[in-house]
Amino acid sequence: MDGFGLILLIVAGVLFIIFATAKLKLHPFLSLLFAAFAIGILAGLPLSTVIESVNNGFGGLMGGIGLVIVFGTIIGVILEKSGAALRMAEVVLRIVGEKRPQMAMSLIGAIVSIPVFCDSGYIILSSLQKALAKRAKVTIASMAIALSTGLFATHTLVPPTPGPIAAAGNIGAEDFLGTIILMGIIVSIPAIIAGYLWAMRVGTKIKVEGEDAELTYDYETILKEFGEMPSTIKSFAPIVIPILLIGFSSVITFAGWTGTLFDILLFLGSPVVALLIGVLFAFLLLPKYNEETLTEWIGVAIKESAPILLITGAGGAFGSVIKATPVADFIQQFGDSAFFTGAMFVFIPFIIAAALKSAQGSSTAALVITSSLIAPLLPQLGIEGAVPLALVVMAVGSGAMVVSHVNDSYFWVVKEFSGMSVTQAYKAQTAGTLIQGIVSIVVTFILWVILV
């Protein structure tokens, strides 16, 4: 099968994934695999090619980024359970000042969500933001929106969060994580600011039911719950050290420096080694070294990473089957179209990811599926190299923000822990993520025009 019939088949496959995950509640792992096999068979590929594409797509992607995802999740769980996430929050609050509590919550969320899933990050920091809201005499809703949008921005844009890493792996950009981190930070800053401004504009006017009730805890009590929290340096090290190592490696590669010292730095800056070093620094946060921390905490992280690994691998299989079809050759016929050349291209992955996110709820699934769909097109369109591929990841991540609503677990976490009604959460969380996504894709488009 080729031509428009093949395009319609792929569209039908994507619609099946959305229907199966959103309506039938089938796990995205199986939805992606069923769609991969169906597209391969119905497209007329030899059955042996279908099997080979699925196996190679799944295994190849796991070989590139599987350990990176696991190590990143381990770091996140240790930061959460050791109290290091709260320590980072306390440091940011001290720097920003309690007179700007919403700004502090935006920054806290942005930092914490780099290794910690945004759902978990919000739950960890929920009682803290309520206590700060009471102490600073500001509305809980404004603090909730500032925190949720800060968490959401880096969750979809900045590695080592699993979604952006998976997208990078799917499009063959896993060797450019340093550039992707840099672009992620650049694009996420305006998104964080947009979330903060939305919190100040809308959140300050939302009154949560029971907001005036006296809290049974205060800021100092929350910080004391963990007992003696880790030091500032120990708390930030598991995040900062890997990012610096990956960054140094990218600079060395870009500059073309050679020599024994640079070879060692390149080794240390490879994503797998850098994140493993991050895990070792995270071990310094453990309150004790016994079965609870070394086995149970790590076990929790491995369980949390398993669904991400499976979805990512299945996404790789899905993309590999699509690559085996002649779809890229067909689309290349439209290579002179304005939407397939130049900066306008970034809107294609954005629209696809936004449609997937809004339809089935998961930002990570939207990142994985969209990157799998567009991966075969990139070589045909001449999109290669660190910066262009990094900006493609940013475009996909921007779309994966649009929008968080009732089919998204994060929407319910923010709604329930803040105390907002569904209507208030739509006005605050859903509209806020829409604005963040639009701001992010506009910044990505501008960067493409300037840098590519």
Protein backbone atom coordinates (compact mmCIF):
# COMPACT_ATOMS: atom_id res chain seq x y z
CA MET A 1 0.00 0.00 0.00
CA ASP A 2 1.20 3.50 -0.77
CA GLY A 3 -0.06 7.01 -1.49
CA PHE A 4 -3.06 8.47 0.29
CA GLY A 5 -4.29 5.00 1.23
CA LEU A 6 -1.19 4.52 3.39
CA ILE A 7 -1.69 7.94 5.00
CA LEU A 8 -5.29 7.04 5.82
CA LEU A 9 -4.13 3.71 7.28
CA ILE A 10 -1.63 5.45 9.59
CA VAL A 11 -4.27 8.00 10.62
CA ALA A 12 -6.65 5.10 11.38
CA GLY A 13 -3.90 3.51 13.47
CA VAL A 14 -3.46 6.69 15.50
CA LEU A 15 -7.23 7.00 15.96
CA PHE A 16 -7.30 3.41 17.19
CA ILE A 17 -4.60 4.20 19.77
CA ILE A 18 -6.62 7.20 20.99
CA PHE A 19 -9.88 5.22 21.13
CA ALA A 20 -8.29 2.19 22.81
CA THR A 21 -6.53 4.24 25.50
CA ALA A 22 -9.19 6.91 26.11
CA LYS A 23 -12.41 4.90 25.76
CA LEU A 24 -11.52 1.23 26.20
CA LYS A 25 -8.90 2.10 28.88
CA LEU A 26 -6.40 -0.25 27.22
CA HIS A 27 -2.82 0.38 28.31
CA PRO A 28 -0.90 2.50 25.74
CA PHE A 29 1.76 -0.25 25.55
CA LEU A 30 -0.67 -2.73 24.01
CA SER A 31 -2.47 -0.04 21.99
CA LEU A 32 0.79 0.93 20.31
CA LEU A 33 1.81 -2.67 19.63
CA PHE A 34 -1.59 -3.63 18.20
CA ALA A 35 -1.50 -0.56 15.95
CA ALA A 36 2.07 -1.33 14.84
CA PHE A 37 1.22 -4.89 13.80
CA ALA A 38 -2.04 -3.81 12.13
CA ILE A 39 -0.41 -1.04 10.09
CA GLY A 40 2.45 -3.30 9.01
CA ILE A 41 0.17 -6.14 7.92
CA LEU A 42 -2.49 -3.99 6.24
CA ALA A 43 0.18 -1.92 4.47
CA GLY A 44 1.29 -5.11 2.75
CA LEU A 45 4.72 -5.42 4.33
CA PRO A 46 6.17 -8.96 4.37
CA LEU A 47 5.23 -10.61 7.66
CA SER A 48 8.89 -11.21 8.46
CA THR A 49 9.55 -7.47 7.96
CA VAL A 50 6.72 -6.59 10.35
CA ILE A 51 8.17 -8.81 13.07
CA GLU A 52 11.70 -7.55 12.44
CA SER A 53 10.56 -3.91 12.54
CA VAL A 54 8.68 -4.38 15.82
CA ASN A 55 11.59 -6.19 17.49
CA ASN A 56 14.26 -3.81 16.22
CA GLY A 57 12.19 -0.73 17.01
CA PHE A 58 11.49 -1.85 20.58
CA GLY A 59 14.98 -3.18 21.33
CA GLY A 60 16.85 -0.42 19.55
CA LEU A 61 15.17 2.33 21.50
CA MET A 62 15.63 0.52 24.81
CA GLY A 63 19.32 0.09 24.03
CA GLY A 64 19.67 3.82 23.50
CA ILE A 65 17.66 5.35 26.35
CA GLY A 66 16.29 2.55 28.57
CA LEU A 67 18.92 2.88 31.30
CA VAL A 68 18.75 6.67 31.15
CA ILE A 69 15.02 6.53 31.98
CA VAL A 70 15.58 4.07 34.84
CA PHE A 71 18.43 6.11 36.35
CA GLY A 72 16.43 9.32 36.08
CA THR A 73 13.48 7.71 37.85
CA ILE A 74 15.70 6.39 40.66
CA ILE A 75 17.07 9.90 41.22
CA GLY A 76 13.52 11.29 41.34
CA VAL A 77 12.29 8.76 43.90
CA ILE A 78 15.28 9.32 46.19
CA LEU A 79 14.84 13.10 45.99
CA GLU A 80 11.18 12.63 46.89
CA LYS A 81 11.60 10.19 49.79
CA SER A 82 14.73 11.71 51.35
CA GLY A 83 13.24 15.18 51.70
CA ALA A 84 15.71 16.64 49.16
CA ALA A 85 12.82 17.96 47.04
CA LEU A 86 11.57 19.94 50.03
CA ARG A 87 15.08 21.17 50.74
CA MET A 88 15.32 22.48 47.16
CA ALA A 89 11.95 24.16 47.62
CA GLU A 90 13.09 25.75 50.86
CA VAL A 91 16.28 27.08 49.22
CA VAL A 92 14.41 28.57 46.25
CA LEU A 93 11.89 30.18 48.59
CA ARG A 94 14.70 31.69 50.63
CA ILE A 95 16.35 33.14 47.50
CA VAL A 96 13.17 34.47 45.87
CA GLY A 97 11.67 35.68 49.13
CA GLU A 98 8.34 35.02 50.82
CA LYS A 99 6.96 38.29 49.46
CA ARG A 100 6.76 36.62 46.02
CA PRO A 101 5.32 33.22 46.95
CA GLN A 102 3.76 32.48 43.54
CA MET A 103 7.06 33.13 41.77
CA ALA A 104 8.80 30.91 44.28
CA MET A 105 6.31 28.08 43.64
CA SER A 106 6.77 28.38 39.85
CA LEU A 107 10.55 28.08 40.20
CA ILE A 108 10.29 25.31 42.77
CA GLY A 109 8.01 23.32 40.48
CA ALA A 110 10.28 23.84 37.47
CA ILE A 111 13.34 22.53 39.33
CA VAL A 112 11.67 19.61 41.10
CA SER A 113 9.95 18.31 37.94
CA ILE A 114 13.21 17.79 36.01
CA PRO A 115 13.79 14.41 37.70
CA VAL A 116 10.43 13.94 39.51
CA PHE A 117 7.15 13.25 37.69
CA CYS A 118 4.90 16.31 37.85
CA ASP A 119 2.09 14.34 39.55
CA SER A 120 4.44 13.23 42.34
CA GLY A 121 6.06 16.66 42.54
CA TYR A 122 2.71 18.35 43.05
CA ILE A 123 1.68 15.89 45.78
CA ILE A 124 5.03 16.35 47.58
CA LEU A 125 4.77 20.14 47.53
CA SER A 126 1.01 20.52 47.97
CA SER A 127 0.97 20.98 51.74
CA LEU A 128 3.94 23.35 51.46
CA GLN A 129 2.17 25.61 48.94
CA LYS A 130 -0.98 25.70 51.09
CA ALA A 131 0.98 26.64 54.19
CA LEU A 132 2.84 29.35 52.26
CA ALA A 133 -0.43 30.68 50.84
CA LYS A 134 -1.82 31.02 54.36
CA ARG A 135 1.41 32.58 55.65
CA ALA A 136 1.69 35.08 52.75
CA LYS A 137 -2.08 35.80 52.75
CA VAL A 138 -2.53 34.92 49.05
CA THR A 139 -5.13 32.65 47.44
CA ILE A 140 -4.48 28.92 47.37
CA ALA A 141 -5.53 28.82 43.71
CA SER A 142 -2.80 31.25 42.66
CA MET A 143 -0.18 29.13 44.42
CA ALA A 144 -1.65 25.94 42.94
CA ILE A 145 -1.53 27.25 39.36
CA ALA A 146 1.99 28.63 39.80
CA LEU A 147 3.19 25.28 41.13
CA SER A 148 1.34 23.12 38.59
CA THR A 149 2.46 25.12 35.55
CA GLY A 150 6.04 25.30 36.79
CA LEU A 151 6.08 21.52 37.17
CA PHE A 152 4.40 20.99 33.80
CA ALA A 153 6.84 23.11 31.77
CA THR A 154 10.00 21.14 32.56
CA HIS A 155 8.06 17.84 32.67
CA THR A 156 7.41 18.05 28.92
CA LEU A 157 10.53 19.89 27.75
CA VAL A 158 13.65 19.19 29.82
CA PRO A 159 15.51 15.84 30.08
CA PRO A 160 16.07 13.70 32.11
CA THR A 161 12.27 13.68 32.38
CA PRO A 162 11.29 10.46 30.51
CA GLY A 163 8.99 12.08 27.90
CA PRO A 164 11.58 14.33 26.22
CA ILE A 165 14.19 11.55 26.45
CA ALA A 166 11.80 9.12 24.72
CA ALA A 167 11.07 11.68 22.00
CA ALA A 168 14.80 12.23 21.49
CA GLY A 169 15.38 8.49 21.19
CA ASN A 170 12.58 8.07 18.67
CA ILE A 171 13.95 10.70 16.28
CA GLY A 172 17.56 9.58 16.69
CA ALA A 173 18.68 12.51 18.83
CA GLU A 174 19.76 10.61 21.95
CA ASP A 175 23.37 11.69 21.33
CA PHE A 176 22.33 15.35 21.52
CA LEU A 177 20.84 15.39 25.02
CA GLY A 178 23.06 18.29 26.06
CA THR A 179 21.63 20.46 23.29
CA ILE A 180 18.11 19.25 24.09
CA ILE A 181 18.55 20.15 27.77
CA LEU A 182 19.79 23.62 26.79
CA MET A 183 16.91 24.18 24.36
CA GLY A 184 14.49 22.77 26.91
CA ILE A 185 15.61 25.27 29.52
CA ILE A 186 15.42 28.16 27.01
CA VAL A 187 11.90 27.22 25.84
CA SER A 188 10.61 26.34 29.30
CA ILE A 189 11.52 29.73 30.82
CA PRO A 190 8.84 31.67 28.85
CA ALA A 191 6.39 28.81 29.55
CA ILE A 192 7.09 29.09 33.29
CA ILE A 193 6.67 32.86 33.14
CA ALA A 194 3.38 32.44 31.26
CA GLY A 195 2.14 30.05 33.94
CA TYR A 196 3.18 32.47 36.68
CA LEU A 197 1.40 35.39 35.00
CA TRP A 198 -1.71 33.26 34.55
CA ALA A 199 -1.58 32.38 38.24
CA MET A 200 -1.38 36.06 39.15
CA ARG A 201 -4.13 37.08 36.73
CA VAL A 202 -6.66 34.28 37.27
CA GLY A 203 -5.62 32.44 40.41
CA THR A 204 -5.81 35.53 42.60
CA LYS A 205 -9.53 35.80 41.71
CA ILE A 206 -10.45 32.18 42.49
CA LYS A 207 -11.70 31.43 45.99
CA VAL A 208 -11.38 27.79 46.97
CA GLU A 209 -14.09 26.43 49.26
CA GLY A 210 -12.81 26.15 52.84
CA GLU A 211 -9.81 28.32 52.08
CA ASP A 212 -10.34 30.41 55.20
CA ALA A 213 -10.33 27.39 57.50
CA GLU A 214 -7.43 27.18 59.91
CA LEU A 215 -4.68 24.80 58.77
CA THR A 216 -3.56 22.06 61.13
CA TYR A 217 0.04 22.52 59.96
CA ASP A 218 2.37 25.39 59.11
CA TYR A 219 5.50 25.90 57.01
CA GLU A 220 7.96 25.00 59.78
CA THR A 221 5.97 21.88 60.74
CA ILE A 222 6.05 20.58 57.16
CA LEU A 223 9.80 21.01 56.90
CA LYS A 224 10.29 19.24 60.24
CA GLU A 225 8.27 16.20 59.12
CA PHE A 226 11.31 14.78 57.38
CA GLY A 227 13.47 15.33 60.44
CA GLU A 228 16.94 16.46 59.43
CA MET A 229 16.74 17.16 55.70
CA PRO A 230 19.78 16.80 53.40
CA SER A 231 22.08 19.75 52.82
CA THR A 232 21.55 22.09 49.88
CA ILE A 233 24.59 20.82 47.96
CA LYS A 234 23.61 17.17 48.41
CA SER A 235 20.02 17.92 47.39
CA PHE A 236 20.89 19.67 44.12
CA ALA A 237 23.88 17.49 43.16
CA PRO A 238 21.92 14.54 41.65
CA ILE A 239 20.29 16.93 39.16
CA VAL A 240 23.04 19.49 38.56
CA ILE A 241 26.04 17.13 38.18
CA PRO A 242 24.56 15.01 35.34
CA ILE A 243 23.34 18.11 33.48
CA LEU A 244 26.81 19.71 33.75
CA LEU A 245 28.54 16.51 32.58
CA ILE A 246 26.21 16.16 29.59
CA GLY A 247 26.69 19.86 28.85
CA PHE A 248 30.50 19.58 28.94
CA SER A 249 30.31 16.58 26.62
CA SER A 250 28.20 18.52 24.13
CA VAL A 251 30.63 21.45 24.15
CA ILE A 252 33.60 19.13 23.57
CA THR A 253 31.83 17.39 20.70
CA PHE A 254 30.82 20.69 19.13
CA ALA A 255 34.32 22.15 19.46
CA GLY A 256 36.00 18.98 18.18
CA TRP A 257 38.54 18.91 21.02
CA THR A 258 40.65 15.74 21.30
CA GLY A 259 42.96 14.26 23.90
CA THR A 260 42.86 11.89 26.85
CA LEU A 261 41.20 14.40 29.20
CA PHE A 262 38.48 15.20 26.67
CA ASP A 263 37.91 11.49 26.00
CA ILE A 264 37.34 10.97 29.73
CA LEU A 265 34.93 13.91 29.87
CA LEU A 266 33.07 12.56 26.83
CA PHE A 267 32.73 9.20 28.62
CA LEU A 268 31.49 10.87 31.81
CA GLY A 269 29.12 13.06 29.79
CA SER A 270 27.42 10.24 27.91
CA PRO A 271 23.80 10.21 29.15
CA VAL A 272 23.97 6.71 30.68
CA VAL A 273 27.17 7.41 32.62
CA ALA A 274 26.11 10.94 33.64
CA LEU A 275 22.78 9.72 35.03
CA LEU A 276 24.50 6.79 36.79
CA ILE A 277 26.81 9.31 38.46
CA GLY A 278 23.65 11.22 39.41
CA VAL A 279 22.35 8.04 41.06
CA LEU A 280 25.59 7.74 43.06
CA PHE A 281 25.18 11.33 44.26
CA ALA A 282 21.55 10.53 45.11
CA PHE A 283 22.82 7.72 47.37
CA LEU A 284 24.41 10.41 49.53
CA LEU A 285 20.86 11.56 50.34
CA LEU A 286 19.82 8.23 51.83
CA PRO A 287 19.12 8.61 55.57
CA LYS A 288 20.46 5.10 56.13
CA TYR A 289 21.83 2.23 54.06
CA ASN A 290 19.62 -0.79 54.58
CA GLU A 291 17.01 -2.91 52.83
CA GLU A 292 14.37 -0.17 53.02
CA THR A 293 16.41 2.40 51.09
CA LEU A 294 18.68 0.26 48.93
CA THR A 295 16.04 -2.28 47.92
CA GLU A 296 12.54 -0.91 48.56
CA TRP A 297 13.15 2.69 47.40
CA ILE A 298 15.02 1.49 44.30
CA GLY A 299 12.24 -1.06 43.73
CA VAL A 300 9.65 1.73 43.76
CA ALA A 301 11.68 3.61 41.15
CA ILE A 302 12.00 0.55 38.93
CA LYS A 303 8.23 -0.05 39.15
CA GLU A 304 7.57 3.60 38.24
CA SER A 305 9.93 3.42 35.27
CA ALA A 306 8.49 0.16 33.90
CA PRO A 307 5.35 1.66 32.27
CA ILE A 308 7.43 4.46 30.74
CA LEU A 309 9.92 1.94 29.35
CA LEU A 310 7.16 -0.22 27.88
CA ILE A 311 5.31 2.72 26.31
CA THR A 312 8.58 4.12 24.95
CA GLY A 313 9.64 0.76 23.52
CA ALA A 314 6.22 0.19 21.96
CA GLY A 315 6.43 3.68 20.49
CA GLY A 316 9.77 2.72 18.97
CA ALA A 317 8.19 -0.39 17.48
CA PHE A 318 5.30 1.69 16.10
CA GLY A 319 7.71 4.17 14.52
CA SER A 320 9.91 1.40 13.11
CA VAL A 321 6.95 -0.18 11.30
CA ILE A 322 6.00 3.19 9.84
CA LYS A 323 9.60 3.68 8.68
CA ALA A 324 9.40 0.33 6.87
CA THR A 325 6.46 1.60 4.78
CA PRO A 326 6.94 4.01 1.85
CA VAL A 327 5.15 6.83 3.70
CA ALA A 328 8.26 9.02 3.86
CA ASP A 329 8.76 8.75 0.10
CA PHE A 330 5.15 9.73 -0.48
CA ILE A 331 5.33 12.75 1.81
CA GLN A 332 8.60 13.81 0.19
CA GLN A 333 6.51 14.59 -2.91
CA PHE A 334 5.18 17.54 -0.92
CA GLY A 335 8.68 18.69 0.00
CA ASP A 336 8.23 22.07 -1.65
CA SER A 337 5.16 22.85 0.43
CA ALA A 338 5.70 25.69 2.91
CA PHE A 339 4.46 23.49 5.73
CA PHE A 340 7.19 20.92 5.08
CA THR A 341 10.05 23.34 4.60
CA GLY A 342 11.59 25.93 6.87
CA ALA A 343 10.36 26.95 10.29
CA MET A 344 6.70 26.15 9.52
CA PHE A 345 7.51 22.45 9.93
CA VAL A 346 7.62 22.76 13.74
CA PHE A 347 3.84 23.26 13.77
CA ILE A 348 3.26 19.73 12.38
CA PRO A 349 4.58 17.81 15.44
CA PHE A 350 3.00 20.46 17.68
CA ILE A 351 -0.48 19.93 16.20
CA ILE A 352 -0.16 16.12 16.26
CA ALA A 353 1.06 16.08 19.88
CA ALA A 354 -1.62 18.56 20.97
CA ALA A 355 -4.35 16.43 19.37
CA LEU A 356 -3.01 13.27 21.03
CA LYS A 357 -2.57 14.93 24.43
CA SER A 358 -6.07 16.43 24.42
CA ALA A 359 -7.62 13.16 23.22
CA GLN A 360 -5.97 10.60 25.50
CA GLY A 361 -4.56 12.64 28.41
CA SER A 362 -0.97 11.45 28.79
CA SER A 363 1.80 13.91 27.92
CA THR A 364 4.38 11.11 27.84
CA ALA A 365 2.27 9.03 25.44
CA ALA A 366 1.75 12.10 23.23
CA LEU A 367 5.53 12.68 23.15
CA VAL A 368 6.24 9.03 22.33
CA ILE A 369 3.58 8.58 19.64
CA THR A 370 4.18 11.91 17.91
CA SER A 371 7.95 11.46 17.77
CA SER A 372 7.41 7.94 16.36
CA LEU A 373 5.12 9.32 13.65
CA ILE A 374 7.41 12.11 12.49
CA ALA A 375 10.74 10.26 12.79
CA PRO A 376 10.62 8.76 9.26
CA LEU A 377 10.02 12.21 7.75
CA LEU A 378 13.00 14.02 9.25
CA PRO A 379 15.81 12.52 7.10
CA GLN A 380 13.69 12.96 3.98
CA LEU A 381 13.20 16.63 4.82
CA GLY A 382 16.88 17.16 5.61
CA ILE A 383 16.24 17.80 9.31
CA GLU A 384 19.35 16.55 11.10
CA GLY A 385 21.98 17.72 13.55
CA ALA A 386 21.82 18.74 17.20
CA VAL A 387 19.91 22.03 17.07
CA PRO A 388 17.22 21.11 14.50
CA LEU A 389 16.46 17.80 16.20
CA ALA A 390 16.43 19.46 19.63
CA LEU A 391 13.88 21.98 18.36
CA VAL A 392 11.75 19.15 16.95
CA VAL A 393 11.69 17.68 20.49
CA MET A 394 10.66 21.12 21.77
CA ALA A 395 7.83 21.28 19.22
CA VAL A 396 6.56 17.86 20.30
CA GLY A 397 6.89 18.79 23.99
CA SER A 398 5.00 22.05 23.40
CA GLY A 399 2.13 20.11 21.86
CA ALA A 400 2.20 17.61 24.74
CA MET A 401 1.21 20.48 27.07
CA VAL A 402 -2.06 21.18 25.22
CA VAL A 403 -4.16 20.64 27.27
CA SER A 404 -4.46 19.14 30.75
CA HIS A 405 -8.15 18.40 31.36
CA VAL A 406 -10.42 15.68 32.79
CA ASN A 407 -8.77 12.73 30.98
CA ASP A 408 -5.38 13.67 32.45
CA SER A 409 -4.45 12.29 35.87
CA TYR A 410 -2.42 15.44 36.55
CA PHE A 411 -5.58 17.55 36.17
CA TRP A 412 -7.23 15.59 38.99
CA VAL A 413 -4.13 15.73 41.19
CA VAL A 414 -4.06 19.53 40.91
CA LYS A 415 -7.83 19.80 41.35
CA GLU A 416 -8.09 17.51 44.39
CA PHE A 417 -5.01 18.69 46.27
CA SER A 418 -5.78 22.37 45.72
CA GLY A 419 -9.47 22.03 46.58
CA MET A 420 -10.65 23.73 43.38
CA SER A 421 -13.91 22.70 41.75
CA VAL A 422 -13.86 21.15 38.27
CA THR A 423 -15.00 24.46 36.75
CA GLN A 424 -12.28 26.36 38.60
CA ALA A 425 -9.67 23.78 37.56
CA TYR A 426 -10.70 24.14 33.91
CA LYS A 427 -10.34 27.89 34.16
CA ALA A 428 -7.02 27.66 35.96
CA GLN A 429 -5.21 24.44 35.00
CA THR A 430 -6.63 23.69 31.54
CA ALA A 431 -6.43 27.27 30.26
CA GLY A 432 -3.00 27.68 31.86
CA THR A 433 -1.55 24.65 30.05
CA LEU A 434 -3.07 25.86 26.77
CA ILE A 435 -1.29 29.20 27.16
CA GLN A 436 1.96 27.44 28.08
CA GLY A 437 1.80 25.24 24.99
CA ILE A 438 1.15 28.19 22.67
CA VAL A 439 3.96 30.24 24.22
CA SER A 440 6.36 27.30 23.94
CA ILE A 441 5.67 26.63 20.25
CA VAL A 442 6.01 30.34 19.43
CA VAL A 443 9.42 30.42 21.16
CA THR A 444 10.41 27.20 19.35
CA PHE A 445 9.38 28.73 16.01
CA ILE A 446 11.45 31.87 16.71
CA LEU A 447 14.49 29.76 17.69
CA TRP A 448 14.13 27.74 14.50
CA VAL A 449 14.08 30.93 12.40
CA ILE A 450 17.19 32.23 14.17
CA LEU A 451 19.27 29.06 14.56
CA VAL A 452 18.36 26.69 11.74
